[in-house]
Protein backbone atom coordinates (compact mmCIF):
# COMPACT_ATOMS: atom_id res chain seq x y z
CA MET A 1 107.86 78.22 68.57
CA ALA A 2 108.88 79.57 71.98
CA ILE A 3 106.07 82.16 71.85
CA ILE A 4 103.49 79.53 70.82
CA SER A 5 104.66 77.13 73.55
CA ALA A 6 104.48 79.87 76.19
CA ALA A 7 101.00 80.88 74.97
CA ILE A 8 99.82 77.31 75.59
CA ILE A 9 101.76 76.36 78.73
CA VAL A 10 101.48 79.55 80.82
CA PRO A 11 97.65 79.91 80.78
CA ALA A 12 97.27 76.14 81.22
CA PHE A 13 99.56 76.22 84.28
CA PHE A 14 97.60 78.96 86.03
CA LEU A 15 94.27 77.35 85.12
CA VAL A 16 95.33 73.94 86.47
CA GLN A 17 96.72 75.62 89.60
CA SER A 18 93.42 77.41 90.21
CA VAL A 19 91.34 74.28 89.57
CA GLY A 20 93.58 72.27 91.92
CA PHE A 21 93.20 74.90 94.65
CA HIS A 22 89.40 74.81 94.46
CA VAL A 23 89.31 71.00 94.35
CA LEU A 24 91.47 70.82 97.48
CA SER A 25 89.25 73.40 99.21
CA ALA A 26 86.16 71.35 98.36
CA MET A 27 87.79 68.18 99.70
CA ARG A 28 88.67 69.94 102.96
CA LEU A 29 85.06 71.10 103.33
CA VAL A 30 83.83 67.54 102.83
CA GLN A 31 86.32 66.11 105.32
CA SER A 32 85.54 68.74 107.97
CA GLY A 33 81.79 68.22 107.71
CA ALA A 34 81.17 71.85 106.83
CA ALA A 35 79.71 70.93 103.46
CA GLU A 36 77.27 68.53 105.10
CA ARG A 37 76.17 71.23 107.54
CA GLU A 38 75.68 73.69 104.68
CA ILE A 39 73.52 71.22 102.79
CA ARG A 40 71.42 70.51 105.89
CA HIS A 41 70.99 74.23 106.49
CA PHE A 42 69.99 74.76 102.87
CA LEU A 43 67.43 71.93 103.00
CA ASP A 44 65.99 73.30 106.25
CA ASN A 45 65.43 76.67 104.58
CA SER A 46 64.04 75.15 101.37
CA PRO A 47 60.95 73.12 102.27
CA ARG A 48 59.99 72.38 98.65
CA ILE A 49 63.36 70.94 97.74
CA SER A 50 63.48 69.15 101.08
CA ALA A 51 60.09 67.51 100.42
CA GLU A 52 61.13 66.40 96.94
CA LEU A 53 64.32 64.87 98.33
CA GLN A 54 62.63 63.29 101.32
CA TYR A 55 62.51 59.84 99.79
CA SER A 56 66.21 59.93 98.99
CA MET A 57 67.04 61.26 102.44
CA ASP A 58 65.02 58.45 104.06
CA ASN A 59 66.94 55.78 102.20
CA ALA A 60 70.42 57.27 102.31
CA THR A 61 72.14 59.58 104.76
CA VAL A 62 74.07 62.63 103.68
CA SER A 63 77.29 60.88 104.63
CA GLN A 64 76.47 57.98 102.33
CA ALA A 65 75.66 60.44 99.57
CA PHE A 66 79.03 62.10 100.07
CA ASP A 67 80.78 58.73 99.99
CA ARG A 68 79.09 57.84 96.72
CA SER A 69 79.83 61.27 95.31
CA ALA A 70 83.47 60.96 96.34
CA GLY A 71 83.71 57.62 94.55
CA PHE A 72 82.16 59.11 91.43
CA VAL A 73 84.48 62.13 91.54
CA ALA A 74 87.50 59.87 92.02
CA GLY A 75 86.55 57.85 88.94
CA GLN A 76 86.00 60.98 86.90
CA LEU A 77 89.29 62.40 88.13
CA GLY A 78 91.12 59.32 86.85
CA ALA A 79 89.47 59.71 83.46
CA ALA A 80 90.31 63.43 83.44
CA LEU A 81 93.97 62.70 84.24
CA GLY A 82 94.09 60.14 81.44
CA GLY A 83 92.54 62.66 79.05
CA SER A 84 95.01 65.31 80.18
CA PHE A 85 97.91 62.97 79.46
CA ASN A 86 96.57 62.28 75.95
CA ALA A 87 96.08 66.01 75.40
CA LEU A 88 99.67 66.65 76.49
CA ILE A 89 100.95 64.08 74.00
CA GLN A 90 98.89 65.67 71.22
CA ILE A 91 100.28 69.13 72.08
CA VAL A 92 103.86 67.80 71.95
CA ILE A 93 103.20 66.16 68.56
CA MET A 94 101.56 69.36 67.30
CA LEU A 95 104.55 71.49 68.32
CA PHE A 96 106.95 68.97 66.77
CA LEU A 97 105.11 69.04 63.42
CA LEU A 98 104.63 72.80 63.61
CA PHE A 99 108.39 73.31 63.82
CA PHE A 100 108.94 71.49 60.53
CA LEU A 101 105.99 73.26 58.92
CA TYR A 102 107.58 76.60 59.78
CA ARG A 103 111.00 75.45 58.57
CA ASP A 104 110.00 73.50 55.44
CA GLY A 105 106.58 74.99 54.71
CA GLU A 106 107.55 76.63 51.43
CA THR A 107 109.17 73.44 50.10
CA ALA A 108 106.12 71.37 51.07
CA THR A 109 103.79 73.90 49.41
CA THR A 110 105.83 73.86 46.21
CA ARG A 111 105.73 70.07 46.02
CA LEU A 112 102.02 70.01 46.80
CA ARG A 113 101.33 72.50 44.02
CA ALA A 114 103.28 70.29 41.60
CA ILE A 115 101.01 67.26 42.17
CA VAL A 116 97.67 69.10 42.30
CA PRO A 117 95.80 68.36 39.02
CA LEU A 118 94.87 72.01 38.46
CA SER A 119 96.23 74.90 36.46
CA ASP A 120 98.48 77.46 38.13
CA GLU A 121 95.68 80.02 38.26
CA GLU A 122 93.21 77.52 39.75
CA THR A 123 95.80 76.35 42.29
CA ASP A 124 96.45 79.94 43.36
CA ASP A 125 92.70 80.48 43.85
CA VAL A 126 92.32 77.29 45.91
CA PHE A 127 95.29 78.06 48.16
CA ALA A 128 94.29 81.70 48.65
CA HIS A 129 90.70 80.77 49.48
CA LEU A 130 91.83 78.01 51.86
CA VAL A 131 94.24 80.27 53.77
CA ARG A 132 91.74 83.14 53.95
CA THR A 133 88.85 80.94 55.14
CA VAL A 134 90.81 79.09 57.84
CA ARG A 135 92.51 82.25 59.08
CA VAL A 136 89.32 84.28 59.30
CA THR A 137 87.05 81.58 60.77
CA VAL A 138 89.55 80.28 63.34
CA LEU A 139 90.74 83.71 64.46
CA GLY A 140 87.15 84.95 64.50
CA ARG A 141 85.99 82.03 66.63
CA PHE A 142 88.89 82.38 69.07
CA THR A 143 88.44 86.15 69.29
CA VAL A 144 84.71 85.98 70.00
CA ALA A 145 85.16 83.13 72.51
CA GLY A 146 87.95 85.04 74.25
CA ILE A 147 85.80 88.16 74.59
CA GLN A 148 82.91 86.08 75.92
CA GLY A 149 85.19 84.37 78.45
CA ILE A 150 86.61 87.69 79.66
CA VAL A 151 83.17 89.30 80.01
CA ALA A 152 81.80 86.22 81.78
CA GLY A 153 84.78 86.06 84.16
CA ILE A 154 84.39 89.75 85.06
CA ALA A 155 80.65 89.25 85.64
CA PHE A 156 81.26 86.20 87.86
CA ALA A 157 83.90 88.09 89.87
CA CYS A 158 81.64 91.13 90.37
CA LEU A 159 78.78 88.89 91.53
CA ARG A 160 81.10 87.10 93.98
CA VAL A 161 80.67 83.70 92.31
CA PRO A 162 83.27 81.16 93.49
CA ALA A 163 86.21 80.50 91.11
CA PRO A 164 85.39 83.22 88.55
CA GLN A 165 88.64 82.72 86.63
CA VAL A 166 87.96 79.01 86.22
CA LEU A 167 84.39 79.65 85.09
CA GLY A 168 85.62 82.35 82.70
CA ALA A 169 88.14 79.94 81.14
CA LEU A 170 85.43 77.28 80.91
CA THR A 171 83.17 79.81 79.16
CA LEU A 172 85.95 80.49 76.64
CA LEU A 173 86.40 76.79 75.89
CA VAL A 174 82.68 76.05 75.58
CA ALA A 175 82.04 79.18 73.50
CA MET A 176 84.41 77.88 70.80
CA MET A 177 82.06 74.93 70.19
CA PRO A 178 78.97 76.22 68.36
CA PRO A 179 76.58 73.43 69.47
CA LEU A 180 77.14 74.37 73.12
CA GLY A 181 77.85 78.05 73.49
CA ALA A 182 78.66 80.22 76.49
CA SER A 183 75.11 79.90 77.83
CA VAL A 184 75.92 76.41 79.15
CA VAL A 185 78.19 77.95 81.80
CA TRP A 186 76.30 81.07 82.83
CA VAL A 187 72.92 79.30 82.94
CA SER A 188 74.46 76.68 85.26
CA VAL A 189 75.77 79.49 87.48
CA VAL A 190 72.31 81.11 87.50
CA ILE A 191 70.80 77.81 88.67
CA TYR A 192 73.42 77.60 91.42
CA LEU A 193 72.74 81.16 92.57
CA ALA A 194 68.98 80.58 92.55
CA ALA A 195 69.35 77.31 94.48
CA THR A 196 71.41 79.07 97.14
CA GLN A 197 68.79 81.89 97.28
CA TYR A 198 71.00 84.64 95.85
CA TRP A 199 68.09 85.97 93.82
CA VAL A 200 69.52 89.41 93.06
CA GLN A 201 72.79 88.01 91.71
CA ALA A 202 70.90 85.37 89.72
CA THR A 203 68.68 88.03 88.12
CA ILE A 204 71.65 90.25 87.26
CA LEU A 205 73.51 87.31 85.72
CA VAL A 206 70.46 86.37 83.62
CA LEU A 207 70.41 89.91 82.20
CA ILE A 208 74.17 90.01 81.58
CA GLY A 209 74.22 86.50 80.12
CA SER A 210 71.27 86.90 77.77
CA LEU A 211 71.91 90.51 76.70
CA VAL A 212 75.71 90.59 76.61
CA ILE A 213 77.57 87.25 76.86
CA SER A 214 75.42 85.19 74.49
CA THR A 215 74.65 88.14 72.21
CA LEU A 216 78.35 88.80 71.51
CA ASP A 217 78.53 85.62 69.43
CA ASN A 218 75.58 86.62 67.26
CA VAL A 219 76.88 90.15 66.73
CA LEU A 220 80.66 89.83 66.43
CA TYR A 221 81.07 86.52 64.57
CA PRO A 222 79.12 87.50 61.42
CA VAL A 223 80.99 90.83 61.38
CA LEU A 224 84.43 89.23 61.76
CA VAL A 225 83.81 86.27 59.45
CA GLY A 226 80.86 86.79 57.13
CA THR A 227 81.86 90.21 55.82
CA ARG A 228 85.44 89.16 55.05
CA LEU A 229 84.56 85.87 53.36
CA ARG A 230 81.43 87.23 51.69
CA LEU A 231 79.66 84.03 52.66
CA HIS A 232 76.58 83.36 54.72
CA THR A 233 77.11 82.38 58.35
CA VAL A 234 74.95 79.22 58.10
CA PRO A 235 77.22 77.08 55.83
CA ILE A 236 80.27 78.10 57.87
CA PHE A 237 78.42 77.24 61.08
CA LEU A 238 77.33 73.85 59.71
CA SER A 239 80.84 73.02 58.53
CA ILE A 240 82.28 73.66 62.00
CA VAL A 241 79.47 71.77 63.78
CA GLY A 242 79.78 68.78 61.44
CA GLU A 243 83.54 68.51 61.83
CA ILE A 244 83.35 68.87 65.63
CA TRP A 245 80.77 66.07 65.68
CA LEU A 246 83.04 63.87 63.54
CA LEU A 247 86.53 64.76 64.78
CA GLY A 248 86.12 66.63 68.06
CA ILE A 249 87.96 69.85 68.81
CA SER A 250 90.08 69.47 65.63
CA GLY A 251 86.94 70.29 63.67
CA LEU A 252 87.34 73.95 64.62
CA ILE A 253 90.12 74.09 62.01
CA LEU A 254 89.38 71.13 59.75
CA GLY A 255 85.74 72.16 59.28
CA PRO A 256 86.48 75.56 57.67
CA ALA A 257 89.35 73.97 55.70
CA ALA A 258 87.09 71.26 54.23
CA PHE A 259 84.41 73.85 53.48
CA ALA A 260 86.93 76.15 51.76
CA LEU A 261 88.25 73.31 49.58
CA ALA A 262 84.74 72.17 48.60
CA HIS A 263 83.70 75.74 47.82
CA SER A 264 86.82 76.33 45.71
CA PHE A 265 86.46 73.07 43.77
CA LEU A 266 82.79 73.79 43.05
CA GLY A 267 83.77 77.25 41.77
CA ILE A 268 86.42 75.73 39.47
CA TRP A 269 83.93 73.14 38.21
CA ARG A 270 81.39 75.90 37.49
CA LYS A 271 83.93 77.89 35.49
CA ARG A 272 85.06 74.85 33.50
CA LEU A 273 81.48 73.78 32.80
CA LYS A 274 80.58 77.29 31.64
CA PHE A 275 83.64 77.41 29.41
CA THR A 276 82.82 73.98 27.93
CA VAL A 277 79.21 74.91 27.20
CA THR A 278 80.27 78.18 25.61
């Protein structure tokens, strides 16, 4: 429990510390007027963008835009703090329940097996398939997302992108959710680099992102998951996507679990039906 708690708290502490540092730096830039000067300089050197934003600039000054943006950011910050508090409560509850699962897991499993309306052999098959599916899919997803986050963070640092560690951690989190994928982060960074006229860095990141970061998911995940489960990637993918859509981040675990149970029950039904017909 101490190792699991440290694995959650230590990375979260450094990530929050880094995010807080960059947020404070951005606020100082806004207060000093440096950000406004940078935007004016960028618009002066980008006539196309300046022409497209001319109407907005005529009806609202940059200072007003910053005031409105600050209000929006403040509102979002309040929502983020509320979400962080809820996440903290969920982590505490998870650790509390996990302690008792470690301590009384065998007793709970024995009692569960006693009330399952299946034979001993069928129950063994269901439990084995459930454990194998959840372990392989969850560990596979976390492993691939971790590799993608590390590669992305290294690429951002080499290209001198601001806050590479934060963007790398964000890539890891987004990569665990199949509907989104790591491309959400690196494509956004490419747009930022192109908008600030860092064309060489933007081109390099497009190559790294499309050929390495996003390709890792397509190459590693089927190898880590499909070959061990002997199942096609599509039903596993759909089970995770469906559960994330229904339950949020918990679907990363509940999706494979539900799929494993359904697959096991269908296999038992097939065997019983075949035996009955015979």
